[in-house]
């Protein structure tokens, strides 16, 4: 008889965002005249920048000519994109990354879920709480946890509370663990890690021979150049950290799909008999076996992000979303809500009014204001009592949503 992977049955209900979509769908069907403003899932709403559209079109036309046929591409990505990444995302900030340390993929969600495959199932993981659900769920699926407790947390996983008291950027734990997932700018809290915080993490990881998995998908939204955009700006990070970045939010690629992961050659793991192994080689083997490269037109489009026109146009889009975030932060704060984030990330982390639960607040916002947010408890136990509000929408909708939220909870 065929056995299933029983680790899947440990997972709590459905994945957060499909569950939100289900509830919104039910409400919409019952209330067809309601004008719903969706500030839940972090999906872009502005069209692709003209430089990106032109690159997609030109690459597609190139592939329509006999001299421009491109089949399977290099599993790690085309040189033209990797070289642009090394130059603009790293060298421009004083960081040297070699081209054989960059692995282009079809999304940071996929990479953050797949990276655990190169580590032993006995590896113990730690996550900040709250955190992006993929970090936890994929490790549960792989068998690195026990069952879920009453609060939704899993036995065997170390949760590091990210709270107002530590500015939603917890310090390293006192105990050693093998893998730690960090995200800055943070999803969902909107916080950003300081130089001091990341320096403490790198020092801790090197002392404990641990690996940091650093999700920098929102680095383009950091408004202060003195704040770290990459963990490799911290001395010693190349010996202990993997970094992931995405074009989804910085360039509107949620429907196009392109990202990359950096695995330095110095970074090593250990076999059961103590042999040291280069993790970049393992990740390269994994990609070569399970992945056939991002399509050529998409990689040309990603490379266009680094052109002068692409940089200008995508920066304008980031600025648009950040203005939305500022309006949300300022408007809700002025109305008396406890609000965090929204300064270096496209997310505002709002305290639920009156201490109501996250899902109850979600229900109130949907049914009375016709606004969709994301329940904080869906990101972890420490997210209870908060709602994540996304800045990805039109200016008109953001202003209307602020007015509706204020009306609902002040009357």
Protein backbone atom coordinates (compact mmCIF):
# COMPACT_ATOMS: atom_id res chain seq x y z
CA UNK A 1 0.00 0.00 0.00
CA UNK A 2 1.29 3.48 -0.90
CA UNK A 3 2.22 5.47 2.19
CA UNK A 4 1.82 9.21 2.37
CA UNK A 5 4.25 11.70 3.86
CA UNK A 6 2.50 12.05 7.22
CA UNK A 7 4.35 15.25 8.01
CA UNK A 8 1.85 17.01 5.75
CA UNK A 9 -0.90 16.11 8.19
CA UNK A 10 0.82 18.14 10.91
CA UNK A 11 0.13 21.33 8.96
CA UNK A 12 -2.50 23.61 10.41
CA UNK A 13 -5.62 23.93 8.24
CA UNK A 14 -4.97 25.60 4.87
CA UNK A 15 -2.14 27.88 3.85
CA UNK A 16 -2.84 31.41 5.13
CA UNK A 17 -3.46 33.28 1.88
CA UNK A 18 -5.76 30.72 0.19
CA UNK A 19 -7.78 30.72 3.41
CA UNK A 20 -8.10 34.50 3.22
CA UNK A 21 -9.11 34.21 -0.43
CA UNK A 22 -11.75 31.64 0.49
CA UNK A 23 -13.31 33.88 3.14
CA UNK A 24 -13.21 36.93 0.90
CA UNK A 25 -14.79 34.90 -1.91
CA UNK A 26 -17.64 33.79 0.33
CA UNK A 27 -18.27 37.36 1.47
CA UNK A 28 -18.12 38.70 -2.08
CA UNK A 29 -20.60 36.08 -3.32
CA UNK A 30 -23.00 37.00 -0.51
CA UNK A 31 -22.47 40.75 -1.01
CA UNK A 32 -21.96 41.30 -4.76
CA UNK A 33 -22.38 45.08 -4.51
CA UNK A 34 -19.65 45.54 -1.91
CA UNK A 35 -16.59 47.38 -3.23
CA UNK A 36 -13.82 45.37 -1.58
CA UNK A 37 -10.40 46.99 -1.16
CA UNK A 38 -7.74 44.31 -0.95
CA UNK A 39 -4.83 45.23 1.30
CA UNK A 40 -4.09 41.67 2.36
CA UNK A 41 -1.77 39.67 0.14
CA UNK A 42 1.36 41.54 -0.93
CA UNK A 43 0.67 41.57 -4.67
CA UNK A 44 1.67 44.49 -6.85
CA UNK A 45 -0.96 46.59 -8.61
CA UNK A 46 1.08 48.91 -10.87
CA UNK A 47 1.80 47.75 -14.44
CA UNK A 48 5.24 46.51 -15.42
CA UNK A 49 7.68 49.33 -16.08
CA UNK A 50 8.11 50.23 -19.78
CA UNK A 51 11.78 49.18 -19.82
CA UNK A 52 10.79 45.73 -18.58
CA UNK A 53 7.95 45.38 -21.09
CA UNK A 54 10.31 46.36 -23.92
CA UNK A 55 12.89 43.77 -22.77
CA UNK A 56 10.22 41.05 -22.64
CA UNK A 57 8.94 41.98 -26.08
CA UNK A 58 12.39 42.17 -27.66
CA UNK A 59 13.47 38.84 -26.16
CA UNK A 60 10.27 37.14 -27.36
CA UNK A 61 10.80 38.51 -30.85
CA UNK A 62 14.42 37.37 -30.76
CA UNK A 63 13.29 33.84 -29.95
CA UNK A 64 10.99 33.97 -32.97
CA UNK A 65 13.97 34.20 -35.30
CA UNK A 66 16.12 31.24 -36.32
CA UNK A 67 19.22 33.03 -35.09
CA UNK A 68 17.67 33.78 -31.69
CA UNK A 69 16.45 30.39 -30.51
CA UNK A 70 16.97 29.80 -26.78
CA UNK A 71 16.05 26.44 -25.31
CA UNK A 72 17.04 25.23 -21.89
CA UNK A 73 19.08 27.92 -20.22
CA UNK A 74 21.88 27.50 -17.66
CA UNK A 75 20.35 26.21 -14.42
CA UNK A 76 22.03 29.01 -12.45
CA UNK A 77 20.99 31.75 -14.87
CA UNK A 78 22.39 33.59 -17.87
CA UNK A 79 25.66 35.45 -17.43
CA UNK A 80 24.14 38.78 -18.51
CA UNK A 81 21.76 38.72 -15.54
CA UNK A 82 24.17 37.31 -12.98
CA UNK A 83 26.82 39.89 -13.86
CA UNK A 84 24.24 42.68 -13.50
CA UNK A 85 23.25 41.31 -10.08
CA UNK A 86 26.85 41.23 -8.87
CA UNK A 87 27.52 44.74 -10.13
CA UNK A 88 24.37 46.60 -9.07
CA UNK A 89 23.04 44.73 -6.04
CA UNK A 90 26.38 44.01 -4.39
CA UNK A 91 29.46 45.74 -5.78
CA UNK A 92 27.61 49.08 -5.70
CA UNK A 93 27.33 48.64 -1.92
CA UNK A 94 30.92 47.49 -1.44
CA UNK A 95 30.18 43.76 -1.40
CA UNK A 96 31.99 41.28 -3.65
CA UNK A 97 29.91 38.30 -4.81
CA UNK A 98 31.30 35.88 -7.40
CA UNK A 99 29.19 34.91 -10.39
CA UNK A 100 29.33 31.22 -9.40
CA UNK A 101 27.67 32.11 -6.08
CA UNK A 102 24.45 33.46 -7.66
CA UNK A 103 21.57 31.15 -8.59
CA UNK A 104 18.66 32.65 -10.56
CA UNK A 105 15.25 31.11 -9.87
CA UNK A 106 11.54 31.62 -10.47
CA UNK A 107 10.79 33.08 -7.05
CA UNK A 108 11.99 33.66 -3.51
CA UNK A 109 8.99 31.78 -2.13
CA UNK A 110 10.21 28.71 -3.98
CA UNK A 111 13.81 29.24 -2.89
CA UNK A 112 12.92 29.80 0.76
CA UNK A 113 10.88 26.60 0.67
CA UNK A 114 13.40 24.54 -1.31
CA UNK A 115 16.62 25.57 0.43
CA UNK A 116 15.88 23.26 3.36
CA UNK A 117 16.37 20.26 1.04
CA UNK A 118 20.16 20.58 1.21
CA UNK A 119 20.15 20.22 5.01
CA UNK A 120 19.70 17.09 7.10
CA UNK A 121 16.25 16.33 8.42
CA UNK A 122 17.68 16.23 11.94
CA UNK A 123 18.69 19.91 11.67
CA UNK A 124 16.93 22.07 14.22
CA UNK A 125 15.50 25.34 12.91
CA UNK A 126 14.64 28.67 14.48
CA UNK A 127 12.31 31.34 13.11
CA UNK A 128 11.33 34.77 14.29
CA UNK A 129 7.74 34.88 15.47
CA UNK A 130 5.82 36.17 13.56
CA UNK A 131 7.37 35.12 10.24
CA UNK A 132 6.53 34.26 6.64
CA UNK A 133 4.62 30.93 6.84
CA UNK A 134 6.70 29.19 4.15
CA UNK A 135 9.74 29.01 6.45
CA UNK A 136 7.87 26.91 9.01
CA UNK A 137 5.53 24.92 6.79
CA UNK A 138 8.18 23.54 4.44
CA UNK A 139 10.30 22.37 7.37
CA UNK A 140 7.24 20.71 8.90
CA UNK A 141 6.64 18.95 5.58
CA UNK A 142 10.25 17.75 5.61
CA UNK A 143 9.92 16.25 9.09
CA UNK A 144 11.88 18.77 11.17
CA UNK A 145 9.12 19.31 13.70
CA UNK A 146 6.79 17.56 16.04
CA UNK A 147 3.05 18.17 16.13
CA UNK A 148 1.44 21.57 16.48
CA UNK A 149 0.61 22.85 19.95
CA UNK A 150 -2.62 24.57 20.92
CA UNK A 151 -1.17 27.98 19.98
CA UNK A 152 -0.24 26.72 16.51
CA UNK A 153 3.50 26.52 17.18
CA UNK A 154 5.28 23.26 16.37
CA UNK A 155 7.24 21.14 18.78
CA UNK A 156 10.92 20.99 17.88
CA UNK A 157 11.07 24.45 16.27
CA UNK A 158 12.57 27.35 18.21
CA UNK A 159 10.44 30.48 17.99
CA UNK A 160 12.12 33.83 18.64
CA UNK A 161 9.53 36.42 19.72
CA UNK A 162 9.59 39.58 17.58
CA UNK A 163 7.79 42.11 19.72
CA UNK A 164 7.45 45.83 20.33
CA UNK A 165 10.01 45.46 23.12
CA UNK A 166 12.79 44.42 20.70
CA UNK A 167 11.55 46.52 17.75
CA UNK A 168 10.39 43.31 16.06
CA UNK A 169 14.04 42.29 15.51
CA UNK A 170 14.90 39.63 18.10
CA UNK A 171 18.49 38.96 19.15
CA UNK A 172 20.13 35.55 18.72
CA UNK A 173 19.02 32.82 21.13
CA UNK A 174 21.14 31.62 24.00
CA UNK A 175 20.99 28.04 22.70
CA UNK A 176 22.50 26.76 19.45
CA UNK A 177 20.36 25.74 16.48
CA UNK A 178 21.37 24.67 12.99
CA UNK A 179 19.31 26.92 10.71
CA UNK A 180 17.80 30.34 11.39
CA UNK A 181 15.40 32.16 9.06
CA UNK A 182 15.69 35.95 9.13
CA UNK A 183 13.80 38.46 6.98
CA UNK A 184 14.68 42.16 6.60
CA UNK A 185 12.81 44.28 5.77
CA UNK A 186 10.49 42.02 7.62
CA UNK A 187 7.36 40.37 6.37
CA UNK A 188 4.93 40.78 8.13
CA UNK A 189 5.97 43.42 10.71
CA UNK A 190 7.60 45.92 8.35
CA UNK A 191 10.62 46.27 10.64
CA UNK A 192 14.20 46.45 9.35
CA UNK A 193 17.28 44.96 10.99
CA UNK A 194 20.00 47.34 12.11
CA UNK A 195 23.72 46.95 11.56
CA UNK A 196 24.07 46.04 15.23
CA UNK A 197 21.36 43.40 15.12
CA UNK A 198 22.79 41.67 12.05
CA UNK A 199 26.33 41.89 13.42
CA UNK A 200 25.14 40.06 16.55
CA UNK A 201 23.50 37.39 14.41
CA UNK A 202 26.59 36.83 12.26
CA UNK A 203 28.82 36.61 15.32
CA UNK A 204 26.43 34.11 16.94
CA UNK A 205 26.16 31.98 13.77
CA UNK A 206 29.93 31.76 13.37
CA UNK A 207 30.39 30.83 17.03
CA UNK A 208 27.76 28.09 16.79
CA UNK A 209 28.58 26.88 13.25
CA UNK A 210 25.00 27.70 12.26
CA UNK A 211 23.55 28.87 8.94
CA UNK A 212 21.47 32.02 8.57
CA UNK A 213 18.91 32.01 5.75
CA UNK A 214 18.43 35.70 5.08
CA UNK A 215 15.37 36.76 3.08
CA UNK A 216 15.99 40.22 1.59
CA UNK A 217 13.06 40.19 -0.85
CA UNK A 218 12.09 43.74 0.16
CA UNK A 219 15.54 45.35 0.17
CA UNK A 220 14.50 47.94 -2.47
CA UNK A 221 12.06 49.45 0.03
CA UNK A 222 14.73 50.45 2.57
CA UNK A 223 14.69 54.25 2.68
CA UNK A 224 17.91 54.78 4.66
CA UNK A 225 21.13 53.89 2.82
CA UNK A 226 22.93 53.52 6.14
CA UNK A 227 20.80 50.48 6.98
CA UNK A 228 22.05 47.10 5.67
CA UNK A 229 20.48 46.02 2.39
CA UNK A 230 22.40 42.74 2.39
CA UNK A 231 23.65 40.55 5.19
CA UNK A 232 26.96 40.39 3.32
CA UNK A 233 27.55 43.99 4.35
CA UNK A 234 28.35 42.45 7.74
CA UNK A 235 31.89 41.17 8.13
CA UNK A 236 32.03 37.37 8.30
CA UNK A 237 28.56 36.81 6.84
CA UNK A 238 29.95 34.97 3.81
CA UNK A 239 30.94 32.16 6.17
CA UNK A 240 27.51 31.70 7.70
CA UNK A 241 24.69 33.13 5.54
CA UNK A 242 22.59 32.39 2.47
CA UNK A 243 20.74 35.37 0.98
CA UNK A 244 17.60 35.49 -1.16
CA UNK A 245 16.30 38.39 -3.22
CA UNK A 246 13.34 38.84 -5.53
CA UNK A 247 12.12 41.00 -8.41
CA UNK A 248 8.50 40.47 -7.38
CA UNK A 249 8.01 43.62 -5.34
CA UNK A 250 10.94 45.76 -6.45
CA UNK A 251 9.98 45.46 -10.12
CA UNK A 252 6.43 44.07 -10.22
CA UNK A 253 7.39 40.50 -11.15
CA UNK A 254 4.73 38.70 -9.11
CA UNK A 255 3.16 37.55 -12.39
CA UNK A 256 6.47 37.18 -14.25
CA UNK A 257 8.52 35.24 -11.67
CA UNK A 258 12.22 35.81 -11.17
CA UNK A 259 14.47 35.88 -8.13
CA UNK A 260 17.88 34.67 -7.03
CA UNK A 261 19.74 33.11 -4.13
CA UNK A 262 23.35 33.73 -3.16
CA UNK A 263 25.33 30.88 -1.57
CA UNK A 264 28.96 31.90 -0.88
CA UNK A 265 31.67 29.36 -1.63
CA UNK A 266 33.05 29.74 1.90
CA UNK A 267 29.79 28.53 3.45
CA UNK A 268 29.97 24.90 4.52
CA UNK A 269 27.91 22.22 6.20
CA UNK A 270 28.99 19.01 7.89
CA UNK A 271 28.35 15.34 7.12
CA UNK A 272 27.59 12.78 9.82
CA UNK A 273 31.26 11.79 9.91
CA UNK A 274 32.50 15.37 10.21
CA UNK A 275 33.46 16.12 6.60
CA UNK A 276 33.01 19.77 5.59
CA UNK A 277 31.00 20.28 2.38
CA UNK A 278 30.48 23.41 0.25
CA UNK A 279 26.77 24.30 0.40
CA UNK A 280 26.92 26.10 -2.95
CA UNK A 281 27.78 22.78 -4.58
CA UNK A 282 24.76 21.11 -2.97
CA UNK A 283 22.40 23.90 -4.01
CA UNK A 284 23.83 23.81 -7.54
CA UNK A 285 23.22 20.05 -7.69
CA UNK A 286 19.69 20.50 -6.40
CA UNK A 287 18.91 23.13 -9.03
CA UNK A 288 20.47 21.13 -11.87
CA UNK A 289 18.37 18.11 -10.89
CA UNK A 290 15.01 19.77 -10.21
CA UNK A 291 15.01 23.04 -12.14
CA UNK A 292 15.38 23.96 -15.82
CA UNK A 293 16.17 27.67 -15.53
CA UNK A 294 14.03 30.80 -15.73
CA UNK A 295 12.86 31.52 -19.31
CA UNK A 296 15.17 33.63 -21.43
CA UNK A 297 12.69 36.54 -21.95
CA UNK A 298 12.09 36.74 -18.19
CA UNK A 299 15.81 36.93 -17.47
CA UNK A 300 16.19 39.64 -20.11
CA UNK A 301 13.37 41.50 -18.35
CA UNK A 302 15.12 41.11 -15.01
CA UNK A 303 18.35 42.43 -16.48
CA UNK A 304 16.40 45.47 -17.74
CA UNK A 305 15.67 46.35 -14.11
CA UNK A 306 19.34 47.39 -13.87
CA UNK A 307 19.34 49.59 -16.98
CA UNK A 308 19.23 53.37 -16.36
CA UNK A 309 15.60 53.49 -17.48
CA UNK A 310 14.72 50.37 -15.50
CA UNK A 311 16.29 51.70 -12.31
CA UNK A 312 14.45 55.00 -12.65
CA UNK A 313 11.08 53.48 -13.49
CA UNK A 314 11.12 50.78 -10.80
CA UNK A 315 12.36 53.28 -8.20
CA UNK A 316 9.35 55.44 -9.01
CA UNK A 317 7.06 52.47 -8.44
CA UNK A 318 8.71 51.63 -5.12
CA UNK A 319 8.31 55.29 -4.10
CA UNK A 320 4.62 55.12 -5.01
CA UNK A 321 4.04 52.12 -2.76
CA UNK A 322 6.08 53.65 0.03
CA UNK A 323 3.97 56.80 -0.13
CA UNK A 324 0.94 54.53 0.27
CA UNK A 325 2.62 52.94 3.28
CA UNK A 326 3.31 56.36 4.78
CA UNK A 327 -0.32 57.38 4.32
CA UNK A 328 -1.50 54.18 6.00
CA UNK A 329 0.91 54.61 8.88
CA UNK A 330 0.17 58.29 9.42
CA UNK A 331 -3.57 58.04 8.92
CA UNK A 332 -4.11 55.08 11.22
CA UNK A 333 -1.69 56.44 13.81
CA UNK A 334 -3.52 59.78 13.85
CA UNK A 335 -6.76 57.87 14.47
CA UNK A 336 -5.27 56.32 17.59
CA UNK A 337 -4.30 52.89 16.29
CA UNK A 338 -1.05 51.28 17.38
CA UNK A 339 0.92 51.12 14.14
CA UNK A 340 4.40 49.86 13.23
CA UNK A 341 6.34 49.35 10.02
CA UNK A 342 5.55 51.26 6.84
CA UNK A 343 8.86 53.17 6.88
CA UNK A 344 11.23 50.72 5.18
CA UNK A 345 8.75 48.12 3.94
CA UNK A 346 5.42 48.12 2.08
CA UNK A 347 3.63 46.69 5.12
CA UNK A 348 1.99 48.32 8.12
CA UNK A 349 1.64 46.21 11.25
CA UNK A 350 -1.46 47.44 13.09
CA UNK A 351 -2.59 46.48 16.57
CA UNK A 352 -6.14 45.20 16.61
CA UNK A 353 -8.45 47.69 18.32
CA UNK A 354 -9.81 46.79 21.72
CA UNK A 355 -7.63 43.71 21.96
CA UNK A 356 -9.85 41.66 19.64
CA UNK A 357 -8.32 38.63 17.92
CA UNK A 358 -6.61 38.89 14.57
CA UNK A 359 -9.23 36.85 12.73
CA UNK A 360 -12.07 38.77 14.43
CA UNK A 361 -10.45 42.00 13.29
CA UNK A 362 -10.12 40.54 9.79
CA UNK A 363 -13.85 39.74 9.88
CA UNK A 364 -14.78 43.22 11.12
CA UNK A 365 -12.68 44.90 8.45
CA UNK A 366 -14.18 42.74 5.72
CA UNK A 367 -17.82 42.80 6.78
CA UNK A 368 -18.07 46.42 7.94
CA UNK A 369 -15.35 48.28 6.02
CA UNK A 370 -15.06 45.96 3.01
CA UNK A 371 -11.29 46.07 3.47
CA UNK A 372 -9.08 42.97 3.39
CA UNK A 373 -6.10 42.75 5.74
CA UNK A 374 -4.04 39.76 6.84
CA UNK A 375 -4.56 38.31 10.34
CA UNK A 376 -1.29 38.51 12.26
CA UNK A 377 -1.88 35.15 13.94
CA UNK A 378 -1.43 33.54 10.53
CA UNK A 379 2.26 34.42 10.79
CA UNK A 380 2.76 32.92 14.25
CA UNK A 381 1.59 33.08 17.85
CA UNK A 382 3.26 36.45 18.45
CA UNK A 383 1.28 37.86 15.54
CA UNK A 384 -1.94 37.49 17.48
CA UNK A 385 -3.47 40.88 18.16
CA UNK A 386 -2.14 42.44 14.94
CA UNK A 387 -3.25 42.90 11.33
CA UNK A 388 -0.86 43.29 8.40
CA UNK A 389 -1.99 45.94 5.94
CA UNK A 390 -0.34 46.06 2.52
CA UNK A 391 0.52 49.25 0.65
CA UNK A 392 0.12 47.54 -2.72
CA UNK A 393 -2.89 49.29 -4.21
CA UNK A 394 -3.93 52.54 -5.83
CA UNK A 395 -3.61 55.85 -3.96
CA UNK A 396 -7.37 56.30 -4.18
CA UNK A 397 -8.07 52.89 -2.63
CA UNK A 398 -5.51 53.37 0.14
CA UNK A 399 -7.05 56.72 1.13
CA UNK A 400 -10.53 55.24 1.00
CA UNK A 401 -9.46 52.24 3.08
CA UNK A 402 -8.02 54.51 5.79
CA UNK A 403 -11.29 56.45 5.95
CA UNK A 404 -13.34 53.24 6.15
CA UNK A 405 -11.18 51.69 8.89
CA UNK A 406 -11.39 54.87 10.95
CA UNK A 407 -15.17 54.98 10.55
CA UNK A 408 -15.69 51.37 11.55
CA UNK A 409 -13.57 51.41 14.69
CA UNK A 410 -14.38 54.91 15.91
CA UNK A 411 -18.15 54.63 15.72
